[in-house]
Full PDB file with SEQRES, HELIX, SHEET, SSBOND, CRYST1, ORIGX, SCALE, CONECT and MASTER records, all heavy atoms in Angstrom:
SEQRES   1 A   35  SER LEU THR ILE PRO LYS GLY THR VAL LYS THR LEU ALA          
SEQRES   2 A   35  VAL LYS CYS ASN LEU GLY THR GLY ALA SER GLY SER ALA          
SEQRES   3 A   35  ARG PHE GLY VAL ASN GLY GLY THR TYR                          
CRYST1    1.000    1.000    1.000  90.00  90.00  90.00 P 1           1          
ORIGX1      1.000000  0.000000  0.000000        0.00000                         
ORIGX2      0.000000  1.000000  0.000000        0.00000                         
ORIGX3      0.000000  0.000000  1.000000        0.00000                         
SCALE1      1.000000  0.000000  0.000000        0.00000                         
SCALE2      0.000000  1.000000  0.000000        0.00000                         
SCALE3      0.000000  0.000000  1.000000        0.00000                         
ATOM      1  N   SER A   1      60.514 105.650 106.714  1.00  0.00           N  
ATOM      2  CA  SER A   1      61.424 105.211 107.772  1.00  0.00           C  
ATOM      3  C   SER A   1      60.811 105.495 109.144  1.00  0.00           C  
ATOM      4  O   SER A   1      60.190 106.538 109.362  1.00  0.00           O  
ATOM      5  CB  SER A   1      62.772 105.930 107.645  1.00  0.00           C  
ATOM      6  OG  SER A   1      63.429 105.559 106.448  1.00  0.00           O  
ATOM      7  N   LEU A   2      61.019 104.547 110.033  1.00  0.00           N  
ATOM      8  CA  LEU A   2      60.524 104.673 111.397  1.00  0.00           C  
ATOM      9  C   LEU A   2      61.681 105.061 112.309  1.00  0.00           C  
ATOM     10  O   LEU A   2      62.746 104.429 112.266  1.00  0.00           O  
ATOM     11  CB  LEU A   2      59.922 103.343 111.856  1.00  0.00           C  
ATOM     12  CG  LEU A   2      59.426 103.265 113.303  1.00  0.00           C  
ATOM     13  CD1 LEU A   2      58.209 104.152 113.500  1.00  0.00           C  
ATOM     14  CD2 LEU A   2      59.104 101.809 113.674  1.00  0.00           C  
ATOM     15  N   THR A   3      61.506 106.123 113.093  1.00  0.00           N  
ATOM     16  CA  THR A   3      62.552 106.557 114.017  1.00  0.00           C  
ATOM     17  C   THR A   3      62.302 105.982 115.398  1.00  0.00           C  
ATOM     18  O   THR A   3      61.213 106.128 115.965  1.00  0.00           O  
ATOM     19  CB  THR A   3      62.601 108.091 114.112  1.00  0.00           C  
ATOM     20  OG1 THR A   3      62.912 108.621 112.818  1.00  0.00           O  
ATOM     21  CG2 THR A   3      63.672 108.542 115.104  1.00  0.00           C  
ATOM     22  N   ILE A   4      63.359 105.345 115.920  1.00  0.00           N  
ATOM     23  CA  ILE A   4      63.297 104.804 117.281  1.00  0.00           C  
ATOM     24  C   ILE A   4      64.172 105.696 118.150  1.00  0.00           C  
ATOM     25  O   ILE A   4      65.406 105.713 117.985  1.00  0.00           O  
ATOM     26  CB  ILE A   4      63.810 103.355 117.331  1.00  0.00           C  
ATOM     27  CG1 ILE A   4      63.092 102.501 116.275  1.00  0.00           C  
ATOM     28  CG2 ILE A   4      63.623 102.761 118.723  1.00  0.00           C  
ATOM     29  CD1 ILE A   4      63.742 101.159 116.047  1.00  0.00           C  
ATOM     30  N   PRO A   5      63.596 106.494 119.034  1.00  0.00           N  
ATOM     31  CA  PRO A   5      64.408 107.397 119.865  1.00  0.00           C  
ATOM     32  C   PRO A   5      65.407 106.604 120.711  1.00  0.00           C  
ATOM     33  O   PRO A   5      65.097 105.508 121.205  1.00  0.00           O  
ATOM     34  CB  PRO A   5      63.382 108.104 120.740  1.00  0.00           C  
ATOM     35  CG  PRO A   5      62.094 107.981 119.984  1.00  0.00           C  
ATOM     36  CD  PRO A   5      62.158 106.643 119.309  1.00  0.00           C  
ATOM     37  N   LYS A   6      66.606 107.149 120.832  1.00  0.00           N  
ATOM     38  CA  LYS A   6      67.634 106.490 121.646  1.00  0.00           C  
ATOM     39  C   LYS A   6      67.111 106.330 123.086  1.00  0.00           C  
ATOM     40  O   LYS A   6      66.342 107.155 123.584  1.00  0.00           O  
ATOM     41  CB  LYS A   6      68.927 107.276 121.628  1.00  0.00           C  
ATOM     42  CG  LYS A   6      68.846 108.663 122.257  1.00  0.00           C  
ATOM     43  CD  LYS A   6      70.185 109.376 122.219  1.00  0.00           C  
ATOM     44  CE  LYS A   6      70.098 110.758 122.864  1.00  0.00           C  
ATOM     45  NZ  LYS A   6      71.402 111.464 122.848  1.00  0.00           N  
ATOM     46  N   GLY A   7      67.518 105.263 123.711  1.00  0.00           N  
ATOM     47  CA  GLY A   7      67.102 105.014 125.090  1.00  0.00           C  
ATOM     48  C   GLY A   7      65.700 104.455 125.228  1.00  0.00           C  
ATOM     49  O   GLY A   7      65.182 104.365 126.341  1.00  0.00           O  
ATOM     50  N   THR A   8      65.071 104.081 124.085  1.00  0.00           N  
ATOM     51  CA  THR A   8      63.687 103.583 124.159  1.00  0.00           C  
ATOM     52  C   THR A   8      63.572 102.225 123.473  1.00  0.00           C  
ATOM     53  O   THR A   8      64.473 101.783 122.747  1.00  0.00           O  
ATOM     54  CB  THR A   8      62.701 104.555 123.493  1.00  0.00           C  
ATOM     55  OG1 THR A   8      62.964 104.601 122.085  1.00  0.00           O  
ATOM     56  CG2 THR A   8      62.821 105.947 124.089  1.00  0.00           C  
ATOM     57  N   VAL A   9      62.417 101.598 123.684  1.00  0.00           N  
ATOM     58  CA  VAL A   9      62.066 100.349 123.017  1.00  0.00           C  
ATOM     59  C   VAL A   9      60.762 100.572 122.262  1.00  0.00           C  
ATOM     60  O   VAL A   9      59.766 101.006 122.851  1.00  0.00           O  
ATOM     61  CB  VAL A   9      61.898  99.188 124.024  1.00  0.00           C  
ATOM     62  CG1 VAL A   9      61.479  97.911 123.299  1.00  0.00           C  
ATOM     63  CG2 VAL A   9      63.184  98.966 124.809  1.00  0.00           C  
ATOM     64  N   LYS A  10      60.750 100.298 120.990  1.00  0.00           N  
ATOM     65  CA  LYS A  10      59.544 100.433 120.160  1.00  0.00           C  
ATOM     66  C   LYS A  10      58.944  99.039 119.939  1.00  0.00           C  
ATOM     67  O   LYS A  10      59.653  98.090 119.560  1.00  0.00           O  
ATOM     68  CB  LYS A  10      59.896 101.069 118.828  1.00  0.00           C  
ATOM     69  CG  LYS A  10      58.757 101.105 117.819  1.00  0.00           C  
ATOM     70  CD  LYS A  10      57.653 102.070 118.229  1.00  0.00           C  
ATOM     71  CE  LYS A  10      58.102 103.523 118.092  1.00  0.00           C  
ATOM     72  NZ  LYS A  10      56.987 104.455 118.359  1.00  0.00           N  
ATOM     73  N   THR A  11      57.634  98.930 120.169  1.00  0.00           N  
ATOM     74  CA  THR A  11      56.939  97.658 119.966  1.00  0.00           C  
ATOM     75  C   THR A  11      56.040  97.771 118.746  1.00  0.00           C  
ATOM     76  O   THR A  11      55.196  98.670 118.671  1.00  0.00           O  
ATOM     77  CB  THR A  11      56.113  97.265 121.196  1.00  0.00           C  
ATOM     78  OG1 THR A  11      56.982  97.128 122.325  1.00  0.00           O  
ATOM     79  CG2 THR A  11      55.378  95.951 120.964  1.00  0.00           C  
ATOM     80  N   LEU A  12      56.208  96.864 117.804  1.00  0.00           N  
ATOM     81  CA  LEU A  12      55.388  96.817 116.601  1.00  0.00           C  
ATOM     82  C   LEU A  12      54.555  95.540 116.607  1.00  0.00           C  
ATOM     83  O   LEU A  12      55.056  94.465 116.944  1.00  0.00           O  
ATOM     84  CB  LEU A  12      56.267  96.862 115.348  1.00  0.00           C  
ATOM     85  CG  LEU A  12      57.214  98.058 115.203  1.00  0.00           C  
ATOM     86  CD1 LEU A  12      57.991  97.940 113.898  1.00  0.00           C  
ATOM     87  CD2 LEU A  12      56.446  99.369 115.271  1.00  0.00           C  
ATOM     88  N   ALA A  13      53.288  95.656 116.227  1.00  0.00           N  
ATOM     89  CA  ALA A  13      52.397  94.503 116.147  1.00  0.00           C  
ATOM     90  C   ALA A  13      52.425  93.929 114.742  1.00  0.00           C  
ATOM     91  O   ALA A  13      52.398  94.667 113.752  1.00  0.00           O  
ATOM     92  CB  ALA A  13      50.974  94.903 116.522  1.00  0.00           C  
ATOM     93  N   VAL A  14      52.477  92.596 114.654  1.00  0.00           N  
ATOM     94  CA  VAL A  14      52.383  91.891 113.378  1.00  0.00           C  
ATOM     95  C   VAL A  14      50.944  91.414 113.223  1.00  0.00           C  
ATOM     96  O   VAL A  14      50.484  90.542 113.967  1.00  0.00           O  
ATOM     97  CB  VAL A  14      53.343  90.686 113.334  1.00  0.00           C  
ATOM     98  CG1 VAL A  14      53.245  89.980 111.977  1.00  0.00           C  
ATOM     99  CG2 VAL A  14      54.769  91.125 113.613  1.00  0.00           C  
ATOM    100  N   LYS A  15      50.216  92.012 112.249  1.00  0.00           N  
ATOM    101  CA  LYS A  15      48.811  91.665 112.042  1.00  0.00           C  
ATOM    102  C   LYS A  15      48.630  91.079 110.657  1.00  0.00           C  
ATOM    103  O   LYS A  15      49.152  91.615 109.670  1.00  0.00           O  
ATOM    104  CB  LYS A  15      47.918  92.892 112.204  1.00  0.00           C  
ATOM    105  CG  LYS A  15      47.930  93.495 113.606  1.00  0.00           C  
ATOM    106  CD  LYS A  15      46.919  94.629 113.729  1.00  0.00           C  
ATOM    107  CE  LYS A  15      46.920  95.226 115.135  1.00  0.00           C  
ATOM    108  NZ  LYS A  15      45.892  96.279 115.291  1.00  0.00           N  
ATOM    109  N   CYS A  16      47.855  89.984 110.580  1.00  0.00           N  
ATOM    110  CA  CYS A  16      47.584  89.322 109.301  1.00  0.00           C  
ATOM    111  C   CYS A  16      46.119  88.891 109.250  1.00  0.00           C  
ATOM    112  O   CYS A  16      45.440  88.766 110.276  1.00  0.00           O  
ATOM    113  CB  CYS A  16      48.461  88.083 109.121  1.00  0.00           C  
ATOM    114  SG  CYS A  16      50.227  88.397 109.008  1.00  0.00           S  
ATOM    115  N   ASN A  17      45.666  88.616 108.016  1.00  0.00           N  
ATOM    116  CA  ASN A  17      44.382  87.965 107.797  1.00  0.00           C  
ATOM    117  C   ASN A  17      44.638  86.473 107.632  1.00  0.00           C  
ATOM    118  O   ASN A  17      45.699  86.057 107.140  1.00  0.00           O  
ATOM    119  CB  ASN A  17      43.700  88.507 106.542  1.00  0.00           C  
ATOM    120  CG  ASN A  17      43.502  90.003 106.606  1.00  0.00           C  
ATOM    121  OD1 ASN A  17      43.297  90.573 107.674  1.00  0.00           O  
ATOM    122  ND2 ASN A  17      43.563  90.663 105.448  1.00  0.00           N  
ATOM    123  N   LEU A  18      43.648  85.666 108.045  1.00  0.00           N  
ATOM    124  CA  LEU A  18      43.778  84.217 107.964  1.00  0.00           C  
ATOM    125  C   LEU A  18      42.632  83.669 107.134  1.00  0.00           C  
ATOM    126  O   LEU A  18      41.462  84.000 107.365  1.00  0.00           O  
ATOM    127  CB  LEU A  18      43.755  83.609 109.369  1.00  0.00           C  
ATOM    128  CG  LEU A  18      44.064  82.122 109.503  1.00  0.00           C  
ATOM    129  CD1 LEU A  18      45.469  81.816 109.018  1.00  0.00           C  
ATOM    130  CD2 LEU A  18      43.909  81.691 110.964  1.00  0.00           C  
ATOM    131  N   GLY A  19      42.949  82.845 106.145  1.00  0.00           N  
ATOM    132  CA  GLY A  19      41.926  82.297 105.261  1.00  0.00           C  
ATOM    133  C   GLY A  19      40.954  81.388 105.985  1.00  0.00           C  
ATOM    134  O   GLY A  19      41.265  80.788 107.017  1.00  0.00           O  
ATOM    135  N   THR A  20      39.766  81.253 105.412  1.00  0.00           N  
ATOM    136  CA  THR A  20      38.703  80.466 106.050  1.00  0.00           C  
ATOM    137  C   THR A  20      39.018  78.978 106.074  1.00  0.00           C  
ATOM    138  O   THR A  20      38.455  78.236 106.868  1.00  0.00           O  
ATOM    139  CB  THR A  20      37.372  80.690 105.328  1.00  0.00           C  
ATOM    140  OG1 THR A  20      37.531  80.370 103.926  1.00  0.00           O  
ATOM    141  CG2 THR A  20      36.922  82.140 105.459  1.00  0.00           C  
ATOM    142  N   GLY A  21      39.929  78.516 105.204  1.00  0.00           N  
ATOM    143  CA  GLY A  21      40.246  77.094 105.174  1.00  0.00           C  
ATOM    144  C   GLY A  21      41.430  76.714 106.028  1.00  0.00           C  
ATOM    145  O   GLY A  21      41.865  75.553 106.008  1.00  0.00           O  
ATOM    146  N   ALA A  22      41.967  77.658 106.783  1.00  0.00           N  
ATOM    147  CA  ALA A  22      43.166  77.382 107.581  1.00  0.00           C  
ATOM    148  C   ALA A  22      42.861  76.440 108.731  1.00  0.00           C  
ATOM    149  O   ALA A  22      41.748  76.400 109.251  1.00  0.00           O  
ATOM    150  CB  ALA A  22      43.748  78.680 108.112  1.00  0.00           C  
ATOM    151  N   SER A  23      43.882  75.682 109.133  1.00  0.00           N  
ATOM    152  CA  SER A  23      43.747  74.791 110.288  1.00  0.00           C  
ATOM    153  C   SER A  23      45.126  74.572 110.883  1.00  0.00           C  
ATOM    154  O   SER A  23      46.131  74.997 110.326  1.00  0.00           O  
ATOM    155  CB  SER A  23      43.134  73.452 109.868  1.00  0.00           C  
ATOM    156  OG  SER A  23      43.981  72.794 108.934  1.00  0.00           O  
ATOM    157  N   GLY A  24      45.181  73.891 112.011  1.00  0.00           N  
ATOM    158  CA  GLY A  24      46.458  73.617 112.655  1.00  0.00           C  
ATOM    159  C   GLY A  24      46.880  74.751 113.564  1.00  0.00           C  
ATOM    160  O   GLY A  24      46.057  75.357 114.254  1.00  0.00           O  
ATOM    161  N   SER A  25      48.188  75.082 113.567  1.00  0.00           N  
ATOM    162  CA  SER A  25      48.695  76.130 114.444  1.00  0.00           C  
ATOM    163  C   SER A  25      49.919  76.783 113.818  1.00  0.00           C  
ATOM    164  O   SER A  25      50.598  76.192 112.980  1.00  0.00           O  
ATOM    165  CB  SER A  25      49.038  75.570 115.829  1.00  0.00           C  
ATOM    166  OG  SER A  25      49.970  74.502 115.705  1.00  0.00           O  
ATOM    167  N   ALA A  26      50.202  77.995 114.230  1.00  0.00           N  
ATOM    168  CA  ALA A  26      51.317  78.752 113.647  1.00  0.00           C  
ATOM    169  C   ALA A  26      51.800  79.786 114.634  1.00  0.00           C  
ATOM    170  O   ALA A  26      51.124  80.090 115.633  1.00  0.00           O  
ATOM    171  CB  ALA A  26      50.867  79.424 112.353  1.00  0.00           C  
ATOM    172  N   ARG A  27      52.986  80.358 114.332  1.00  0.00           N  
ATOM    173  CA  ARG A  27      53.509  81.451 115.126  1.00  0.00           C  
ATOM    174  C   ARG A  27      54.479  82.283 114.279  1.00  0.00           C  
ATOM    175  O   ARG A  27      55.038  81.804 113.291  1.00  0.00           O  
ATOM    176  CB  ARG A  27      54.209  80.939 116.380  1.00  0.00           C  
ATOM    177  CG  ARG A  27      55.367  79.984 116.131  1.00  0.00           C  
ATOM    178  CD  ARG A  27      55.948  79.463 117.424  1.00  0.00           C  
ATOM    179  NE  ARG A  27      57.072  78.538 117.176  1.00  0.00           N  
ATOM    180  CZ  ARG A  27      57.856  78.069 118.134  1.00  0.00           C  
ATOM    181  NH1 ARG A  27      57.634  78.408 119.391  1.00  0.00           N  
ATOM    182  NH2 ARG A  27      58.841  77.240 117.841  1.00  0.00           N  
ATOM    183  N   PHE A  28      54.648  83.530 114.681  1.00  0.00           N  
ATOM    184  CA  PHE A  28      55.591  84.434 114.037  1.00  0.00           C  
ATOM    185  C   PHE A  28      56.678  84.813 115.050  1.00  0.00           C  
ATOM    186  O   PHE A  28      56.498  84.639 116.254  1.00  0.00           O  
ATOM    187  CB  PHE A  28      54.886  85.710 113.567  1.00  0.00           C  
ATOM    188  CG  PHE A  28      54.032  85.518 112.347  1.00  0.00           C  
ATOM    189  CD1 PHE A  28      52.708  85.096 112.455  1.00  0.00           C  
ATOM    190  CD2 PHE A  28      54.535  85.778 111.085  1.00  0.00           C  
ATOM    191  CE1 PHE A  28      51.916  84.938 111.342  1.00  0.00           C  
ATOM    192  CE2 PHE A  28      53.747  85.620 109.955  1.00  0.00           C  
ATOM    193  CZ  PHE A  28      52.434  85.193 110.076  1.00  0.00           C  
ATOM    194  N   GLY A  29      57.781  85.371 114.524  1.00  0.00           N  
ATOM    195  CA  GLY A  29      58.807  85.788 115.451  1.00  0.00           C  
ATOM    196  C   GLY A  29      60.015  86.400 114.776  1.00  0.00           C  
ATOM    197  O   GLY A  29      59.955  86.867 113.635  1.00  0.00           O  
ATOM    198  N   VAL A  30      61.141  86.370 115.478  1.00  0.00           N  
ATOM    199  CA  VAL A  30      62.416  86.936 115.038  1.00  0.00           C  
ATOM    200  C   VAL A  30      63.424  85.805 114.916  1.00  0.00           C  
ATOM    201  O   VAL A  30      63.628  85.039 115.856  1.00  0.00           O  
ATOM    202  CB  VAL A  30      62.914  87.997 116.044  1.00  0.00           C  
ATOM    203  CG1 VAL A  30      64.304  88.494 115.654  1.00  0.00           C  
ATOM    204  CG2 VAL A  30      61.924  89.144 116.144  1.00  0.00           C  
ATOM    205  N   ASN A  31      64.021  85.704 113.729  1.00  0.00           N  
ATOM    206  CA  ASN A  31      65.026  84.663 113.503  1.00  0.00           C  
ATOM    207  C   ASN A  31      65.937  85.124 112.367  1.00  0.00           C  
ATOM    208  O   ASN A  31      65.751  84.781 111.209  1.00  0.00           O  
ATOM    209  CB  ASN A  31      64.361  83.335 113.151  1.00  0.00           C  
ATOM    210  CG  ASN A  31      65.335  82.176 113.116  1.00  0.00           C  
ATOM    211  OD1 ASN A  31      66.546  82.377 113.034  1.00  0.00           O  
ATOM    212  ND2 ASN A  31      64.802  80.959 113.165  1.00  0.00           N  
ATOM    213  N   GLY A  32      66.948  85.956 112.725  1.00  0.00           N  
ATOM    214  CA  GLY A  32      67.882  86.472 111.726  1.00  0.00           C  
ATOM    215  C   GLY A  32      67.222  87.489 110.816  1.00  0.00           C  
ATOM    216  O   GLY A  32      66.259  88.168 111.178  1.00  0.00           O  
ATOM    217  N   GLY A  33      67.752  87.584 109.595  1.00  0.00           N  
ATOM    218  CA  GLY A  33      67.223  88.540 108.644  1.00  0.00           C  
ATOM    219  C   GLY A  33      68.007  89.833 108.669  1.00  0.00           C  
ATOM    220  O   GLY A  33      68.832  90.082 109.552  1.00  0.00           O  
ATOM    221  N   THR A  34      67.771  90.692 107.650  1.00  0.00           N  
ATOM    222  CA  THR A  34      68.494  91.947 107.501  1.00  0.00           C  
ATOM    223  C   THR A  34      67.607  93.121 107.881  1.00  0.00           C  
ATOM    224  O   THR A  34      66.486  93.252 107.377  1.00  0.00           O  
ATOM    225  CB  THR A  34      68.969  92.125 106.052  1.00  0.00           C  
ATOM    226  OG1 THR A  34      69.819  91.021 105.700  1.00  0.00           O  
ATOM    227  CG2 THR A  34      69.732  93.430 105.882  1.00  0.00           C  
ATOM    228  N   TYR A  35      68.126  93.954 108.785  1.00  0.00           N  
ATOM    229  CA  TYR A  35      67.404  95.142 109.217  1.00  0.00           C  
ATOM    230  C   TYR A  35      68.099  96.357 108.604  1.00  0.00           C  
ATOM    231  O   TYR A  35      69.288  96.608 108.852  1.00  0.00           O  
ATOM    232  CB  TYR A  35      67.420  95.257 110.751  1.00  0.00           C  
ATOM    233  CG  TYR A  35      66.622  94.160 111.430  1.00  0.00           C  
ATOM    234  CD1 TYR A  35      67.156  92.881 111.578  1.00  0.00           C  
ATOM    235  CD2 TYR A  35      65.344  94.396 111.908  1.00  0.00           C  
ATOM    236  CE1 TYR A  35      66.444  91.867 112.180  1.00  0.00           C  
ATOM    237  CE2 TYR A  35      64.620  93.384 112.505  1.00  0.00           C  
ATOM    238  CZ  TYR A  35      65.164  92.127 112.640  1.00  0.00           C  
ATOM    239  OH  TYR A  35      64.437  91.128 113.234  1.00  0.00           O  
TER     240      TYR A  35                                                      
MASTER        0    0    0    0    0    0    0    6  239    1    0    3          
END                                                                             
C-alpha cells in the first residue's frame, strides 16, 4: 500500500515497454475505474 500524506499530491509515472513493430500513436490517462 502506498501512503499519500494528507494535504499533499503524489505523482506516479506510468512506464511501459513498446514492441519493435508498434506504429501510430497512443496515450494513457484517467477515466473512471476503482481505486
